[in-house]
Amino acid sequence: MTASADLVPLENEIRRLIAAAGPITVAHYMELCLTHPQHGYYVSQDPIGAGGDFITAPEVSQMFGELIGLWAAAVWSLMGSPQAVNLIELGPGRGTMMRDALRAARVTPAFHSAIGVHLVEISPVLEQHQRTALTGERVDIAWHRSLDNVPDGPAIIVANEFVDALPVHQMVKQDDGWHERTVSTVSAGGGGEFVFGVSREPVAHFDRIVPTSLREAAAGEIFEWRSDNMAFDIGRRVVRAGGAALVIDYGHVISSFGDTLQSVGGHGFTDPLIAPGLVDLTAHVDFQAFRQAAESMGARAHGPVDQGAFLRRLGIEARATALKSNTDLDSAARIDAALARLTASGRTGMGTMFKVLGLADPKLGSLPGLEN
């Protein structure tokens, strides 16, 4: 059952679009739900934190952002310690990770002095949170709508839970080929509930996109793919600038079949076809595809590895011990709980669900935390 269109303004717009032009692709639906100029989720909502719809790793503990800051400092050293470096964050949330990273970066004064921060953000709501969180930081900070707008130059890029929110195409295998999965309405005139369907005609030459190992798919299998543009852009930039990038997200290491589109609202899963623009839509990251696209631009890939392994290699356990040495028992227990959430496996842990992929100029060699 759909939510009231009076309460969900984007729903009316999508209905009008379907009535006028027919079913839309899942990717188009996801793009509208997340980035519509007036009613998109990331334009109009405040999604992160206890009062939002989900909590990201930087909100779990300061340790996460601090270790990212120390990782960036080590990478800067591998880059030859350039006098100026762009520290770029894609989808910086409430600014928590960048604030913690910059605090940790102060232990390397030359690196901290070299930093120019560039935040890629489309949400006015989140940008305001970022400005508040970063008030008083003694570095130059600029906001951009896209990575293309960030100036060239030596760069370190971080993307935590960013790629999963990029629109994903879903292809359904049928006897005559791969058909695009669509969103339509029960009534051809745009009335009734939103429903999934498939395009009438197969997508020509889609077999060239599906990995060779998956081409013998059974009817009904779903294969998800994203535009490679973001991977191309990151790969091209780190090679051109002699820098590196860190992509942290949930997903699968090897390309595979499956419907991973999910909707999150109020810290719980919801129907992705209900309340468009009021809930978050994401889909798992295909790390194999992302890695290969970046490598095609000349970047060297490192990993992916589990988030838990990555954080332990960077010294999160020692950092937790240091934090506990100067606090009371209740605070120490919270630090232990945060450590477990960031590194443990299982339903409540992020340690194995989330993966970490490094992309870099091949001249840099091994990246911290991602060594073979």
Protein backbone atom coordinates (compact mmCIF):
# COMPACT_ATOMS: atom_id res chain seq x y z
CA MET A 1 0.00 0.00 0.00
CA THR A 2 1.41 3.38 -0.98
CA ALA A 3 1.78 6.26 1.43
CA SER A 4 -0.51 9.23 0.89
CA ALA A 5 0.67 11.30 -2.06
CA ASP A 6 -0.32 14.40 -0.07
CA LEU A 7 2.43 13.50 2.39
CA VAL A 8 4.88 12.32 -0.29
CA PRO A 9 5.14 15.10 -2.90
CA LEU A 10 7.66 13.24 -5.06
CA GLU A 11 5.16 10.40 -5.51
CA ASN A 12 2.87 12.63 -7.58
CA GLU A 13 5.72 13.68 -9.84
CA ILE A 14 6.77 10.09 -10.47
CA ARG A 15 3.17 9.11 -11.22
CA ARG A 16 2.88 11.93 -13.77
CA LEU A 17 6.15 10.86 -15.36
CA ILE A 18 4.99 7.24 -15.68
CA ALA A 19 1.58 8.29 -17.03
CA ALA A 20 3.23 10.46 -19.69
CA ALA A 21 6.18 8.31 -20.76
CA GLY A 22 5.62 4.81 -19.39
CA PRO A 23 7.64 2.78 -16.90
CA ILE A 24 10.95 4.22 -15.68
CA THR A 25 14.11 2.27 -14.95
CA VAL A 26 15.05 1.34 -11.39
CA ALA A 27 18.11 3.57 -11.81
CA HIS A 28 15.96 6.56 -12.79
CA TYR A 29 13.57 5.89 -9.91
CA MET A 30 16.49 5.72 -7.46
CA GLU A 31 18.01 8.91 -8.87
CA LEU A 32 14.71 10.78 -8.47
CA CYS A 33 14.18 9.47 -4.94
CA LEU A 34 17.63 10.52 -3.78
CA THR A 35 18.54 13.64 -5.75
CA HIS A 36 15.36 15.30 -7.05
CA PRO A 37 16.07 19.07 -6.77
CA GLN A 38 13.17 19.74 -4.39
CA HIS A 39 12.00 16.44 -2.97
CA GLY A 40 15.01 14.10 -3.15
CA TYR A 41 15.99 12.33 0.05
CA TYR A 42 19.50 13.80 0.17
CA VAL A 43 18.20 17.25 -0.71
CA SER A 44 15.35 17.50 1.79
CA GLN A 45 16.06 15.09 4.68
CA ASP A 46 18.51 14.88 7.59
CA PRO A 47 19.34 11.18 7.32
CA ILE A 48 22.29 10.45 9.61
CA GLY A 49 22.52 9.88 13.35
CA ALA A 50 20.19 8.79 16.13
CA GLY A 51 17.42 11.08 14.88
CA GLY A 52 17.87 10.08 11.24
CA ASP A 53 17.47 6.84 9.32
CA PHE A 54 20.91 5.26 9.74
CA ILE A 55 24.25 5.63 11.53
CA THR A 56 27.55 5.54 9.67
CA ALA A 57 30.92 4.43 11.03
CA PRO A 58 32.16 7.97 11.83
CA GLU A 59 29.07 8.46 14.02
CA VAL A 60 29.83 5.24 15.90
CA SER A 61 33.20 6.44 17.21
CA GLN A 62 35.81 9.15 16.77
CA MET A 63 38.34 6.35 16.24
CA PHE A 64 37.12 5.76 12.69
CA GLY A 65 37.75 9.29 11.45
CA GLU A 66 40.99 9.60 13.39
CA LEU A 67 42.43 6.52 11.70
CA ILE A 68 41.35 7.82 8.30
CA GLY A 69 43.21 11.04 9.07
CA LEU A 70 46.36 9.13 10.01
CA TRP A 71 45.97 6.99 6.86
CA ALA A 72 45.79 10.17 4.77
CA ALA A 73 48.94 11.53 6.44
CA ALA A 74 50.82 8.31 5.64
CA VAL A 75 49.65 8.42 2.02
CA TRP A 76 50.73 12.07 1.76
CA SER A 77 54.21 10.95 2.82
CA LEU A 78 54.19 8.23 0.12
CA MET A 79 53.25 10.93 -2.39
CA GLY A 80 56.47 12.79 -1.58
CA SER A 81 54.90 15.21 0.92
CA PRO A 82 53.63 17.82 -1.57
CA GLN A 83 53.33 21.34 -0.15
CA ALA A 84 49.64 21.43 -1.10
CA VAL A 85 47.23 18.49 -1.22
CA ASN A 86 43.49 18.31 -1.81
CA LEU A 87 41.82 16.19 0.88
CA ILE A 88 38.54 15.29 -0.80
CA GLU A 89 35.56 13.61 0.81
CA LEU A 90 32.66 12.35 -1.29
CA GLY A 91 29.36 12.44 0.60
CA PRO A 92 30.74 13.77 3.90
CA GLY A 93 27.61 13.18 5.98
CA ARG A 94 27.47 15.48 8.99
CA GLY A 95 31.17 16.36 8.74
CA THR A 96 32.07 14.04 11.60
CA MET A 97 34.70 11.99 9.79
CA MET A 98 36.48 15.03 8.34
CA ARG A 99 36.48 16.77 11.74
CA ASP A 100 38.03 13.72 13.42
CA ALA A 101 40.47 13.18 10.54
CA LEU A 102 41.71 16.76 10.72
CA ARG A 103 42.19 16.50 14.47
CA ALA A 104 44.34 13.39 14.01
CA ALA A 105 46.24 15.06 11.15
CA ARG A 106 47.61 17.62 13.58
CA VAL A 107 50.13 15.05 14.80
CA THR A 108 51.85 15.61 11.44
CA PRO A 109 52.01 19.44 11.31
CA ALA A 110 53.49 19.61 7.81
CA PHE A 111 50.65 17.49 6.44
CA HIS A 112 48.01 19.51 8.28
CA SER A 113 49.48 22.72 6.86
CA ALA A 114 49.39 21.28 3.33
CA ILE A 115 45.71 20.31 3.42
CA GLY A 116 42.98 22.02 1.45
CA VAL A 117 39.65 20.32 2.21
CA HIS A 118 37.12 19.76 -0.56
CA LEU A 119 33.71 18.35 0.34
CA VAL A 120 31.48 16.99 -2.44
CA GLU A 121 27.90 17.36 -1.22
CA ILE A 122 24.47 17.84 -2.83
CA SER A 123 22.43 18.17 0.38
CA PRO A 124 21.86 21.68 1.76
CA VAL A 125 20.81 20.12 5.08
CA LEU A 126 23.99 18.09 5.44
CA GLU A 127 26.19 20.91 4.19
CA GLN A 128 24.96 23.03 7.08
CA HIS A 129 25.85 20.25 9.53
CA GLN A 130 29.30 20.04 7.94
CA ARG A 131 29.86 23.77 8.26
CA THR A 132 28.93 23.60 11.94
CA ALA A 133 31.13 20.55 12.61
CA LEU A 134 34.13 22.12 10.89
CA THR A 135 33.83 25.58 12.40
CA GLY A 136 37.21 26.66 13.72
CA GLU A 137 39.29 24.27 11.64
CA ARG A 138 42.45 26.02 10.49
CA VAL A 139 42.38 24.74 6.94
CA ASP A 140 40.77 26.05 3.77
CA ILE A 141 37.43 24.28 3.15
CA ALA A 142 35.38 24.38 -0.04
CA TRP A 143 32.10 22.72 -1.00
CA HIS A 144 31.30 21.32 -4.44
CA ARG A 145 28.33 19.67 -6.12
CA SER A 146 30.47 17.09 -7.93
CA LEU A 147 34.00 15.74 -8.06
CA ASP A 148 34.41 17.42 -11.45
CA ASN A 149 34.26 20.80 -9.71
CA VAL A 150 37.21 20.06 -7.40
CA PRO A 151 40.43 21.72 -8.64
CA ASP A 152 43.20 19.56 -10.04
CA GLY A 153 46.30 18.86 -8.00
CA PRO A 154 47.73 16.22 -5.64
CA ALA A 155 44.73 14.54 -4.08
CA ILE A 156 43.67 12.10 -1.40
CA ILE A 157 40.03 11.03 -1.82
CA VAL A 158 37.84 9.33 0.77
CA ALA A 159 34.34 7.95 0.11
CA ASN A 160 32.59 6.29 3.05
CA GLU A 161 29.11 4.91 2.28
CA PHE A 162 28.92 6.98 -0.88
CA VAL A 163 28.97 4.57 -3.81
CA ASP A 164 26.04 2.48 -2.46
CA ALA A 165 23.77 5.51 -2.98
CA LEU A 166 24.67 5.97 -6.66
CA PRO A 167 21.80 4.83 -8.93
CA VAL A 168 21.92 1.16 -9.87
CA HIS A 169 20.48 -0.50 -12.97
CA GLN A 170 18.84 -3.89 -12.48
CA MET A 171 18.80 -6.28 -15.41
CA VAL A 172 16.58 -9.37 -15.47
CA LYS A 173 17.56 -12.39 -17.57
CA GLN A 174 14.80 -13.78 -19.77
CA ASP A 175 14.76 -16.33 -22.56
CA ASP A 176 15.50 -13.72 -25.23
CA GLY A 177 18.18 -11.81 -23.30
CA TRP A 178 18.59 -9.22 -20.56
CA HIS A 179 15.70 -6.84 -19.88
CA GLU A 180 15.90 -3.69 -17.75
CA ARG A 181 13.90 -3.82 -14.54
CA THR A 182 11.44 -0.97 -14.30
CA VAL A 183 9.08 0.81 -11.91
CA SER A 184 5.50 1.38 -13.02
CA THR A 185 2.02 1.57 -11.52
CA VAL A 186 -0.76 -0.98 -11.34
CA SER A 187 -2.85 1.25 -13.58
CA ALA A 188 -1.37 2.35 -16.91
CA GLY A 189 -2.59 5.88 -16.23
CA GLY A 190 -0.30 6.30 -13.24
CA GLY A 191 -2.79 5.14 -10.61
CA GLY A 192 -2.52 2.44 -7.97
CA GLU A 193 0.55 1.12 -6.22
CA PHE A 194 4.05 1.29 -7.62
CA VAL A 195 5.22 -2.10 -8.90
CA PHE A 196 8.32 -3.58 -10.46
CA GLY A 197 8.25 -4.80 -14.05
CA VAL A 198 10.65 -5.40 -16.95
CA SER A 199 11.16 -3.63 -20.25
CA ARG A 200 9.40 -5.18 -23.24
CA GLU A 201 12.52 -5.46 -25.38
CA PRO A 202 15.89 -6.87 -24.34
CA VAL A 203 18.81 -4.47 -23.98
CA ALA A 204 21.03 -4.88 -27.03
CA HIS A 205 24.58 -6.12 -26.39
CA PHE A 206 24.17 -6.19 -22.60
CA ASP A 207 26.06 -9.50 -22.56
CA ARG A 208 29.20 -7.42 -23.12
CA ILE A 209 28.73 -5.78 -19.70
CA VAL A 210 27.97 -8.95 -17.71
CA PRO A 211 31.18 -10.69 -16.55
CA THR A 212 32.02 -13.81 -18.53
CA SER A 213 31.53 -16.02 -15.48
CA LEU A 214 27.90 -14.87 -15.17
CA ARG A 215 26.76 -14.99 -18.78
CA GLU A 216 25.14 -18.41 -18.47
CA ALA A 217 22.40 -17.02 -16.26
CA ALA A 218 19.10 -18.75 -15.61
CA ALA A 219 15.85 -16.99 -16.47
CA GLY A 220 14.81 -14.65 -13.66
CA GLU A 221 18.32 -13.87 -12.40
CA ILE A 222 18.95 -10.19 -11.59
CA PHE A 223 22.28 -8.52 -12.32
CA GLU A 224 22.98 -5.02 -10.99
CA TRP A 225 25.35 -2.54 -12.55
CA ARG A 226 26.22 1.10 -12.07
CA SER A 227 27.63 3.59 -14.51
CA ASP A 228 31.42 3.43 -14.33
CA ASN A 229 31.75 7.21 -14.42
CA MET A 230 32.60 7.64 -10.72
CA ALA A 231 35.20 4.87 -10.82
CA PHE A 232 36.63 6.35 -14.02
CA ASP A 233 36.79 9.82 -12.45
CA ILE A 234 38.50 8.62 -9.27
CA GLY A 235 40.94 6.39 -11.15
CA ARG A 236 41.83 9.14 -13.61
CA ARG A 237 42.29 11.74 -10.88
CA VAL A 238 44.60 9.70 -8.62
CA VAL A 239 46.81 8.75 -11.57
CA ARG A 240 46.95 12.30 -12.94
CA ALA A 241 47.57 13.82 -9.51
CA GLY A 242 49.82 11.11 -8.13
CA GLY A 243 47.42 10.49 -5.27
CA ALA A 244 45.18 7.84 -3.76
CA ALA A 245 41.57 7.12 -2.87
CA LEU A 246 39.81 5.06 -0.23
CA VAL A 247 36.36 3.60 -0.94
CA ILE A 248 34.57 2.15 2.11
CA ASP A 249 31.16 0.57 1.63
CA TYR A 250 29.10 -2.59 1.87
CA GLY A 251 28.93 -4.90 -1.09
CA HIS A 252 30.40 -7.96 -2.76
CA VAL A 253 34.03 -8.51 -3.71
CA ILE A 254 33.15 -10.60 -6.78
CA SER A 255 30.41 -9.66 -9.25
CA SER A 256 27.33 -11.79 -8.66
CA PHE A 257 23.59 -12.05 -9.19
CA GLY A 258 20.95 -10.77 -6.78
CA ASP A 259 18.54 -7.96 -5.96
CA THR A 260 20.24 -5.80 -3.29
CA LEU A 261 18.10 -2.67 -3.64
CA GLN A 262 16.98 -1.71 -0.17
CA SER A 263 15.17 1.12 1.56
CA VAL A 264 16.01 2.33 5.06
CA GLY A 265 13.87 4.59 7.20
CA GLY A 266 13.93 5.12 10.94
CA HIS A 267 16.83 2.67 11.36
CA GLY A 268 14.79 -0.15 9.80
CA PHE A 269 14.17 -1.63 6.37
CA THR A 270 11.14 -0.49 4.41
CA ASP A 271 9.54 -1.10 1.01
CA PRO A 272 11.62 0.79 -1.62
CA LEU A 273 8.46 1.61 -3.59
CA ILE A 274 6.76 3.38 -0.69
CA ALA A 275 7.38 7.00 0.37
CA PRO A 276 9.81 7.99 -2.44
CA GLY A 277 12.06 10.82 -1.33
CA LEU A 278 11.39 10.24 2.36
CA VAL A 279 13.56 7.14 2.84
CA ASP A 280 17.07 6.17 1.81
CA LEU A 281 17.63 3.88 -1.16
CA THR A 282 20.88 1.98 -1.59
CA ALA A 283 22.26 -1.10 -3.33
CA HIS A 284 25.39 -3.13 -2.67
CA VAL A 285 28.63 -2.05 -4.31
CA ASP A 286 30.09 -4.39 -6.92
CA PHE A 287 33.72 -3.94 -5.91
CA GLN A 288 35.00 -6.08 -8.77
CA ALA A 289 33.36 -3.82 -11.35
CA PHE A 290 34.40 -0.63 -9.54
CA ARG A 291 37.98 -1.83 -9.24
CA GLN A 292 38.23 -2.84 -12.90
CA ALA A 293 36.82 0.48 -14.09
CA ALA A 294 39.37 2.44 -12.03
CA GLU A 295 42.19 0.16 -13.20
CA SER A 296 41.22 0.87 -16.81
CA MET A 297 42.22 4.50 -16.09
CA GLY A 298 45.66 3.37 -14.97
CA ALA A 299 45.05 3.25 -11.22
CA ARG A 300 46.43 0.43 -9.11
CA ALA A 301 43.86 -1.27 -6.89
CA HIS A 302 44.64 -2.35 -3.32
CA GLY A 303 42.14 -4.75 -1.79
CA PRO A 304 39.32 -4.77 -1.08
CA VAL A 305 39.74 -6.03 2.47
CA ASP A 306 37.24 -6.28 5.31
CA GLN A 307 36.77 -3.06 7.27
CA GLY A 308 37.61 -4.84 10.52
CA ALA A 309 40.97 -6.04 9.18
CA PHE A 310 41.74 -2.60 7.75
CA LEU A 311 41.04 -0.79 11.02
CA ARG A 312 43.00 -3.30 13.07
CA ARG A 313 46.00 -2.90 10.77
CA LEU A 314 45.80 0.86 11.29
CA GLY A 315 45.86 0.37 15.08
CA ILE A 316 42.26 0.81 16.22
CA GLU A 317 42.74 -1.53 19.18
CA ALA A 318 45.69 0.51 20.47
CA ARG A 319 43.69 3.70 19.97
CA ALA A 320 40.79 2.23 21.96
CA THR A 321 43.15 1.31 24.78
CA ALA A 322 44.56 4.84 24.83
CA LEU A 323 41.10 6.39 24.97
CA LYS A 324 40.02 4.08 27.81
CA SER A 325 43.07 4.96 29.91
CA ASN A 326 41.73 8.46 30.53
CA THR A 327 38.05 7.80 31.15
CA ASP A 328 35.55 6.20 33.54
CA LEU A 329 34.10 2.70 33.40
CA ASP A 330 30.91 3.66 31.57
CA SER A 331 32.84 5.54 28.89
CA ALA A 332 35.29 2.65 28.58
CA ALA A 333 32.39 0.28 28.01
CA ARG A 334 31.08 2.55 25.24
CA ILE A 335 34.51 2.57 23.61
CA ASP A 336 34.62 -1.24 23.71
CA ALA A 337 31.13 -1.41 22.19
CA ALA A 338 32.11 0.97 19.41
CA LEU A 339 35.28 -1.01 18.71
CA ALA A 340 33.22 -4.19 18.42
CA ARG A 341 30.66 -2.58 16.14
CA LEU A 342 33.30 -1.24 13.78
CA THR A 343 35.37 -4.43 13.58
CA ALA A 344 33.21 -7.43 14.48
CA SER A 345 31.43 -9.79 12.09
CA GLY A 346 27.80 -10.82 12.37
CA ARG A 347 24.52 -8.93 12.07
CA THR A 348 25.42 -6.14 14.49
CA GLY A 349 29.02 -5.68 13.36
CA MET A 350 30.39 -3.71 10.44
CA GLY A 351 33.74 -5.48 10.33
CA THR A 352 33.05 -7.96 7.54
CA MET A 353 29.94 -6.42 5.97
CA PHE A 354 31.92 -3.34 4.91
CA LYS A 355 34.86 -3.54 2.53
CA VAL A 356 37.74 -1.14 1.95
CA LEU A 357 39.20 -0.58 -1.51
CA GLY A 358 42.26 1.55 -2.20
CA LEU A 359 42.97 3.11 -5.60
CA ALA A 360 46.24 4.87 -6.27
CA ASP A 361 48.92 6.02 -8.63
CA PRO A 362 50.98 2.84 -9.23
CA LYS A 363 54.15 4.68 -8.21
CA LEU A 364 53.01 4.86 -4.58
CA GLY A 365 53.47 1.15 -3.83
CA SER A 366 51.49 -0.49 -1.00
CA LEU A 367 48.91 1.59 0.86
CA PRO A 368 48.63 1.49 4.69
CA GLY A 369 46.14 -1.08 5.94
CA LEU A 370 45.77 -2.62 2.50
CA GLU A 371 49.08 -4.43 2.23
CA ASN A 372 48.97 -7.86 0.60
